[in-house]
PDB file of N, CA and C in Angstrom:
ATOM      1  N   MET A   1     -25.393  10.246   2.202  1.00  0.00           N
ATOM      2  CA  MET A   1     -24.915   9.244   1.277  1.00  0.00           C
ATOM      3  C   MET A   1     -23.543   9.081   0.926  1.00  0.00           C
ATOM      4  N   ASN A   2     -22.702   8.068   1.188  1.00  0.00           N
ATOM      5  CA  ASN A   2     -21.267   8.003   1.059  1.00  0.00           C
ATOM      6  C   ASN A   2     -20.936   6.985  -0.020  1.00  0.00           C
ATOM      7  N   ASP A   3     -20.336   7.685  -1.165  1.00  0.00           N
ATOM      8  CA  ASP A   3     -19.916   6.861  -2.419  1.00  0.00           C
ATOM      9  C   ASP A   3     -18.805   6.094  -2.253  1.00  0.00           C
ATOM     10  N   PHE A   4     -18.032   6.026  -1.031  1.00  0.00           N
ATOM     11  CA  PHE A   4     -16.710   5.368  -0.958  1.00  0.00           C
ATOM     12  C   PHE A   4     -17.013   3.904  -0.639  1.00  0.00           C
ATOM     13  N   ASP A   5     -16.568   3.129  -1.556  1.00  0.00           N
ATOM     14  CA  ASP A   5     -16.806   1.523  -1.396  1.00  0.00           C
ATOM     15  C   ASP A   5     -15.383   0.888  -1.341  1.00  0.00           C
ATOM     16  N   LEU A   6     -14.969   0.793  -0.181  1.00  0.00           N
ATOM     17  CA  LEU A   6     -13.496   0.184   0.310  1.00  0.00           C
ATOM     18  C   LEU A   6     -13.393  -0.994  -0.365  1.00  0.00           C
ATOM     19  N   GLU A   7     -14.331  -2.103  -0.343  1.00  0.00           N
ATOM     20  CA  GLU A   7     -14.058  -3.183  -0.898  1.00  0.00           C
ATOM     21  C   GLU A   7     -13.886  -3.292  -2.450  1.00  0.00           C
ATOM     22  N   GLN A   8     -14.598  -2.506  -3.063  1.00  0.00           N
ATOM     23  CA  GLN A   8     -14.588  -2.368  -4.412  1.00  0.00           C
ATOM     24  C   GLN A   8     -13.135  -1.711  -4.860  1.00  0.00           C
ATOM     25  N   MET A   9     -12.749  -0.764  -3.988  1.00  0.00           N
ATOM     26  CA  MET A   9     -11.480  -0.068  -4.373  1.00  0.00           C
ATOM     27  C   MET A   9     -10.427  -1.138  -4.251  1.00  0.00           C
ATOM     28  N   LEU A  10     -10.373  -1.952  -3.188  1.00  0.00           N
ATOM     29  CA  LEU A  10      -9.260  -2.985  -2.921  1.00  0.00           C
ATOM     30  C   LEU A  10      -9.487  -4.076  -4.036  1.00  0.00           C
ATOM     31  N   GLN A  11     -10.617  -4.352  -4.477  1.00  0.00           N
ATOM     32  CA  GLN A  11     -10.586  -5.406  -5.512  1.00  0.00           C
ATOM     33  C   GLN A  11     -10.155  -4.972  -6.738  1.00  0.00           C
ATOM     34  N   ASP A  12     -10.380  -3.710  -6.993  1.00  0.00           N
ATOM     35  CA  ASP A  12      -9.693  -3.066  -8.252  1.00  0.00           C
ATOM     36  C   ASP A  12      -8.265  -2.885  -8.227  1.00  0.00           C
ATOM     37  N   LEU A  13      -7.567  -2.581  -6.946  1.00  0.00           N
ATOM     38  CA  LEU A  13      -6.234  -2.637  -6.840  1.00  0.00           C
ATOM     39  C   LEU A  13      -5.622  -4.093  -7.117  1.00  0.00           C
ATOM     40  N   ARG A  14      -6.570  -5.112  -6.519  1.00  0.00           N
ATOM     41  CA  ARG A  14      -5.924  -6.571  -6.784  1.00  0.00           C
ATOM     42  C   ARG A  14      -5.821  -6.740  -8.394  1.00  0.00           C
ATOM     43  N   LYS A  15      -6.551  -6.165  -9.085  1.00  0.00           N
ATOM     44  CA  LYS A  15      -6.571  -6.601 -10.611  1.00  0.00           C
ATOM     45  C   LYS A  15      -5.627  -5.731 -11.220  1.00  0.00           C
ATOM     46  N   GLU A  16      -5.296  -4.499 -10.726  1.00  0.00           N
ATOM     47  CA  GLU A  16      -4.267  -3.670 -11.451  1.00  0.00           C
ATOM     48  C   GLU A  16      -2.962  -3.525 -11.090  1.00  0.00           C
ATOM     49  N   LEU A  17      -2.509  -3.927  -9.873  1.00  0.00           N
ATOM     50  CA  LEU A  17      -1.252  -3.668  -9.339  1.00  0.00           C
ATOM     51  C   LEU A  17      -0.521  -5.043  -9.840  1.00  0.00           C
ATOM     52  N   PRO A  18       0.748  -4.688  -9.925  1.00  0.00           N
ATOM     53  CA  PRO A  18       1.749  -5.813 -10.245  1.00  0.00           C
ATOM     54  C   PRO A  18       2.043  -6.763  -8.955  1.00  0.00           C
ATOM     55  N   ALA A  19       2.564  -7.767  -9.090  1.00  0.00           N
ATOM     56  CA  ALA A  19       2.779  -8.612  -7.959  1.00  0.00           C
ATOM     57  C   ALA A  19       3.686  -8.054  -6.963  1.00  0.00           C
ATOM     58  N   LEU A  20       4.630  -7.315  -7.589  1.00  0.00           N
ATOM     59  CA  LEU A  20       5.743  -6.600  -6.549  1.00  0.00           C
ATOM     60  C   LEU A  20       5.506  -5.081  -6.701  1.00  0.00           C
ATOM     61  N   LEU A  21       5.412  -4.217  -5.888  1.00  0.00           N
ATOM     62  CA  LEU A  21       5.415  -2.679  -5.798  1.00  0.00           C
ATOM     63  C   LEU A  21       6.611  -2.123  -5.453  1.00  0.00           C
ATOM     64  N   SER A  22       7.278  -1.356  -6.206  1.00  0.00           N
ATOM     65  CA  SER A  22       8.520  -0.555  -5.620  1.00  0.00           C
ATOM     66  C   SER A  22       8.080   0.505  -4.558  1.00  0.00           C
ATOM     67  N   ARG A  23       8.980   0.895  -3.733  1.00  0.00           N
ATOM     68  CA  ARG A  23       8.435   2.084  -2.897  1.00  0.00           C
ATOM     69  C   ARG A  23       7.793   3.140  -3.408  1.00  0.00           C
ATOM     70  N   ARG A  24       8.491   3.669  -4.584  1.00  0.00           N
ATOM     71  CA  ARG A  24       7.882   4.688  -5.091  1.00  0.00           C
ATOM     72  C   ARG A  24       6.356   4.449  -5.748  1.00  0.00           C
ATOM     73  N   GLU A  25       6.057   3.249  -6.219  1.00  0.00           N
ATOM     74  CA  GLU A  25       4.672   2.846  -6.853  1.00  0.00           C
ATOM     75  C   GLU A  25       3.893   2.654  -5.403  1.00  0.00           C
ATOM     76  N   ALA A  26       4.275   2.046  -4.239  1.00  0.00           N
ATOM     77  CA  ALA A  26       3.474   2.165  -3.141  1.00  0.00           C
ATOM     78  C   ALA A  26       3.100   3.550  -2.586  1.00  0.00           C
ATOM     79  N   SER A  27       4.174   4.284  -2.556  1.00  0.00           N
ATOM     80  CA  SER A  27       3.800   5.753  -2.145  1.00  0.00           C
ATOM     81  C   SER A  27       3.053   6.464  -2.826  1.00  0.00           C
ATOM     82  N   ARG A  28       2.908   6.304  -4.231  1.00  0.00           N
ATOM     83  CA  ARG A  28       2.087   6.963  -5.107  1.00  0.00           C
ATOM     84  C   ARG A  28       0.613   6.546  -4.849  1.00  0.00           C
ATOM     85  N   ILE A  29       0.301   5.279  -4.625  1.00  0.00           N
ATOM     86  CA  ILE A  29      -0.784   4.733  -4.414  1.00  0.00           C
ATOM     87  C   ILE A  29      -1.363   5.222  -3.073  1.00  0.00           C
ATOM     88  N   ALA A  30      -0.504   4.968  -2.065  1.00  0.00           N
ATOM     89  CA  ALA A  30      -0.984   5.427  -0.671  1.00  0.00           C
ATOM     90  C   ALA A  30      -1.007   6.721  -0.360  1.00  0.00           C
ATOM     91  N   LYS A  31      -0.532   7.519  -1.345  1.00  0.00           N
ATOM     92  CA  LYS A  31      -0.611   9.125  -1.182  1.00  0.00           C
ATOM     93  C   LYS A  31       0.290   9.521   0.033  1.00  0.00           C
ATOM     94  N   LEU A  32       1.519   8.827   0.109  1.00  0.00           N
ATOM     95  CA  LEU A  32       2.481   9.066   1.100  1.00  0.00           C
ATOM     96  C   LEU A  32       3.850   9.366   0.404  1.00  0.00           C
ATOM     97  N   SER A  33       4.806  10.095   0.996  1.00  0.00           N
ATOM     98  CA  SER A  33       6.125  10.301   0.445  1.00  0.00           C
ATOM     99  C   SER A  33       6.830   8.938   0.599  1.00  0.00           C
ATOM    100  N   CYS A  34       7.918   8.709  -0.353  1.00  0.00           N
ATOM    101  CA  CYS A  34       8.854   7.562  -0.078  1.00  0.00           C
ATOM    102  C   CYS A  34       9.439   7.544   1.174  1.00  0.00           C
ATOM    103  N   GLY A  35       9.763   8.661   1.751  1.00  0.00           N
ATOM    104  CA  GLY A  35      10.440   8.826   3.253  1.00  0.00           C
ATOM    105  C   GLY A  35       9.424   8.434   4.125  1.00  0.00           C
ATOM    106  N   THR A  36       8.183   8.798   4.140  1.00  0.00           N
ATOM    107  CA  THR A  36       7.214   8.384   5.158  1.00  0.00           C
ATOM    108  C   THR A  36       7.190   6.661   5.073  1.00  0.00           C
ATOM    109  N   LEU A  37       7.068   6.264   3.930  1.00  0.00           N
ATOM    110  CA  LEU A  37       6.914   4.742   4.016  1.00  0.00           C
ATOM    111  C   LEU A  37       8.301   4.202   4.510  1.00  0.00           C
ATOM    112  N   ALA A  38       9.410   4.827   4.254  1.00  0.00           N
ATOM    113  CA  ALA A  38      10.689   4.266   4.927  1.00  0.00           C
ATOM    114  C   ALA A  38      10.569   4.204   6.335  1.00  0.00           C
ATOM    115  N   ASN A  39      10.098   5.509   6.885  1.00  0.00           N
ATOM    116  CA  ASN A  39       9.940   5.681   8.298  1.00  0.00           C
ATOM    117  C   ASN A  39       9.033   4.617   8.921  1.00  0.00           C
ATOM    118  N   LEU A  40       7.829   4.399   8.410  1.00  0.00           N
ATOM    119  CA  LEU A  40       6.850   3.378   8.681  1.00  0.00           C
ATOM    120  C   LEU A  40       7.537   2.057   8.915  1.00  0.00           C
ATOM    121  N   ASP A  41       8.354   1.817   7.754  1.00  0.00           N
ATOM    122  CA  ASP A  41       9.120   0.466   7.582  1.00  0.00           C
ATOM    123  C   ASP A  41      10.102   0.430   8.960  1.00  0.00           C
ATOM    124  N   SER A  42      10.876   1.327   9.103  1.00  0.00           N
ATOM    125  CA  SER A  42      11.700   1.249  10.274  1.00  0.00           C
ATOM    126  C   SER A  42      11.180   1.031  11.497  1.00  0.00           C
ATOM    127  N   LYS A  43       9.859   1.513  11.656  1.00  0.00           N
ATOM    128  CA  LYS A  43       9.117   1.370  12.913  1.00  0.00           C
ATOM    129  C   LYS A  43       8.180   0.148  12.810  1.00  0.00           C
ATOM    130  N   LYS A  44       8.433  -0.651  11.903  1.00  0.00           N
ATOM    131  CA  LYS A  44       7.586  -1.860  11.602  1.00  0.00           C
ATOM    132  C   LYS A  44       6.189  -1.608  11.476  1.00  0.00           C
ATOM    133  N   GLU A  45       5.646  -0.494  11.016  1.00  0.00           N
ATOM    134  CA  GLU A  45       4.265   0.032  10.950  1.00  0.00           C
ATOM    135  C   GLU A  45       4.070   0.028   9.374  1.00  0.00           C
ATOM    136  N   GLY A  46       4.755  -0.229   8.625  1.00  0.00           N
ATOM    137  CA  GLY A  46       4.474  -0.089   7.034  1.00  0.00           C
ATOM    138  C   GLY A  46       3.954  -1.473   6.575  1.00  0.00           C
ATOM    139  N   PRO A  47       3.726  -1.457   5.213  1.00  0.00           N
ATOM    140  CA  PRO A  47       3.259  -2.721   4.600  1.00  0.00           C
ATOM    141  C   PRO A  47       4.282  -3.984   4.627  1.00  0.00           C
ATOM    142  N   PRO A  48       4.027  -5.254   4.740  1.00  0.00           N
ATOM    143  CA  PRO A  48       4.923  -6.346   4.561  1.00  0.00           C
ATOM    144  C   PRO A  48       5.908  -5.983   3.276  1.00  0.00           C
ATOM    145  N   ARG A  49       7.206  -6.127   3.644  1.00  0.00           N
ATOM    146  CA  ARG A  49       8.175  -5.782   2.543  1.00  0.00           C
ATOM    147  C   ARG A  49       9.193  -6.856   2.386  1.00  0.00           C
ATOM    148  N   ALA A  50       9.870  -6.828   1.203  1.00  0.00           N
ATOM    149  CA  ALA A  50      10.838  -8.037   0.965  1.00  0.00           C
ATOM    150  C   ALA A  50      11.843  -7.116   0.132  1.00  0.00           C
ATOM    151  N   MET A  51      13.192  -7.789   0.007  1.00  0.00           N
ATOM    152  CA  MET A  51      14.374  -7.096  -0.588  1.00  0.00           C
ATOM    153  C   MET A  51      14.390  -7.838  -2.066  1.00  0.00           C
ATOM    154  N   LEU A  52      14.434  -7.091  -3.202  1.00  0.00           N
ATOM    155  CA  LEU A  52      14.650  -7.643  -4.502  1.00  0.00           C
ATOM    156  C   LEU A  52      16.099  -7.007  -4.743  1.00  0.00           C
ATOM    157  N   GLU A  53      17.016  -7.921  -4.580  1.00  0.00           N
ATOM    158  CA  GLU A  53      18.485  -7.418  -4.776  1.00  0.00           C
ATOM    159  C   GLU A  53      18.714  -6.228  -3.896  1.00  0.00           C
ATOM    160  N   THR A  54      18.758  -5.056  -4.219  1.00  0.00           N
ATOM    161  CA  THR A  54      19.092  -3.831  -3.190  1.00  0.00           C
ATOM    162  C   THR A  54      17.887  -3.048  -2.970  1.00  0.00           C
ATOM    163  N   LYS A  55      16.776  -3.481  -3.542  1.00  0.00           N
ATOM    164  CA  LYS A  55      15.548  -2.480  -3.514  1.00  0.00           C
ATOM    165  C   LYS A  55      14.397  -3.146  -2.661  1.00  0.00           C
ATOM    166  N   VAL A  56      13.760  -2.206  -1.902  1.00  0.00           N
ATOM    167  CA  VAL A  56      12.612  -2.588  -1.133  1.00  0.00           C
ATOM    168  C   VAL A  56      11.378  -2.809  -1.937  1.00  0.00           C
ATOM    169  N   VAL A  57      10.774  -4.081  -1.889  1.00  0.00           N
ATOM    170  CA  VAL A  57       9.390  -4.165  -2.610  1.00  0.00           C
ATOM    171  C   VAL A  57       8.403  -4.463  -1.719  1.00  0.00           C
ATOM    172  N   TYR A  58       7.213  -4.225  -2.071  1.00  0.00           N
ATOM    173  CA  TYR A  58       6.024  -4.686  -1.393  1.00  0.00           C
ATOM    174  C   TYR A  58       4.981  -5.573  -2.145  1.00  0.00           C
ATOM    175  N   PRO A  59       4.929  -6.771  -1.686  1.00  0.00           N
ATOM    176  CA  PRO A  59       4.162  -7.787  -2.286  1.00  0.00           C
ATOM    177  C   PRO A  59       2.615  -7.202  -2.200  1.00  0.00           C
ATOM    178  N   ARG A  60       1.881  -7.348  -3.432  1.00  0.00           N
ATOM    179  CA  ARG A  60       0.651  -6.750  -3.684  1.00  0.00           C
ATOM    180  C   ARG A  60      -0.340  -7.066  -2.676  1.00  0.00           C
ATOM    181  N   GLU A  61      -0.600  -8.238  -2.230  1.00  0.00           N
ATOM    182  CA  GLU A  61      -1.672  -8.605  -1.302  1.00  0.00           C
ATOM    183  C   GLU A  61      -1.279  -8.175   0.157  1.00  0.00           C
ATOM    184  N   GLY A  62       0.024  -8.217   0.552  1.00  0.00           N
ATOM    185  CA  GLY A  62       0.333  -7.601   1.959  1.00  0.00           C
ATOM    186  C   GLY A  62       0.058  -6.204   1.808  1.00  0.00           C
ATOM    187  N   PHE A  63       0.299  -5.315   0.664  1.00  0.00           N
ATOM    188  CA  PHE A  63       0.261  -3.948   0.584  1.00  0.00           C
ATOM    189  C   PHE A  63      -1.281  -3.487   0.670  1.00  0.00           C
ATOM    190  N   ILE A  64      -2.125  -4.333  -0.002  1.00  0.00           N
ATOM    191  CA  ILE A  64      -3.524  -3.987  -0.172  1.00  0.00           C
ATOM    192  C   ILE A  64      -4.186  -4.092   1.184  1.00  0.00           C
ATOM    193  N   LEU A  65      -3.642  -5.191   1.763  1.00  0.00           N
ATOM    194  CA  LEU A  65      -4.329  -5.568   3.265  1.00  0.00           C
ATOM    195  C   LEU A  65      -3.808  -4.370   4.149  1.00  0.00           C
ATOM    196  N   TRP A  66      -2.630  -3.951   4.161  1.00  0.00           N
ATOM    197  CA  TRP A  66      -2.200  -2.827   4.939  1.00  0.00           C
ATOM    198  C   TRP A  66      -2.921  -1.587   4.622  1.00  0.00           C
ATOM    199  N   LEU A  67      -2.980  -1.207   3.408  1.00  0.00           N
ATOM    200  CA  LEU A  67      -3.660   0.025   2.965  1.00  0.00           C
ATOM    201  C   LEU A  67      -5.126  -0.114   3.303  1.00  0.00           C
ATOM    202  N   GLY A  68      -5.891  -1.095   3.397  1.00  0.00           N
ATOM    203  CA  GLY A  68      -7.184  -1.491   3.630  1.00  0.00           C
ATOM    204  C   GLY A  68      -7.563  -1.059   5.120  1.00  0.00           C
ATOM    205  N   GLN A  69      -6.527  -1.498   6.031  1.00  0.00           N
ATOM    206  CA  GLN A  69      -6.736  -1.288   7.266  1.00  0.00           C
ATOM    207  C   GLN A  69      -6.623   0.075   7.882  1.00  0.00           C
ATOM    208  N   ARG A  70      -6.011   0.805   6.864  1.00  0.00           N
ATOM    209  CA  ARG A  70      -5.715   2.221   7.373  1.00  0.00           C
ATOM    210  C   ARG A  70      -6.712   3.341   6.614  1.00  0.00           C
ATOM    211  N   LEU A  71      -7.401   2.922   5.612  1.00  0.00           N
ATOM    212  CA  LEU A  71      -8.389   3.784   4.947  1.00  0.00           C
ATOM    213  C   LEU A  71      -9.814   3.595   5.666  1.00  0.00           C
ATOM    214  N   ARG A  72     -10.340   4.740   5.803  1.00  0.00           N
ATOM    215  CA  ARG A  72     -11.765   4.741   6.121  1.00  0.00           C
ATOM    216  C   ARG A  72     -12.602   5.972   5.579  1.00  0.00           C
ATOM    217  N   PRO A  73     -13.842   5.750   5.359  1.00  0.00           N
ATOM    218  CA  PRO A  73     -14.563   6.961   4.784  1.00  0.00           C
ATOM    219  C   PRO A  73     -14.793   8.131   5.722  1.00  0.00           C
ATOM    220  N   ILE A  74     -14.905   9.214   5.412  1.00  0.00           N
ATOM    221  CA  ILE A  74     -15.255  10.406   6.121  1.00  0.00           C
ATOM    222  C   ILE A  74     -16.892  10.523   6.301  1.00  0.00           C
ATOM    223  N   VAL A  75     -16.962  10.481   7.476  1.00  0.00           N
ATOM    224  CA  VAL A  75     -18.708  10.646   7.562  1.00  0.00           C
ATOM    225  C   VAL A  75     -19.090  11.932   8.151  1.00  0.00           C
TER     226      VAL A  75
END
């Protein structure tokens, strides 16, 4: 029996996360370093991103969809 409920986890994130996440916030949630996220961004493999003045930010819904595509239960 597996207690991992991906859809519930993603719904919870939709309720809890701000509209825009900093790279630091996104890295903490995704359990990746900021450098890893930056590298994924440079290869166009990271979550959708935007610039807010001089900072990279990730819109909540794009980040959640990206994260959901990469998470899978261990069976």
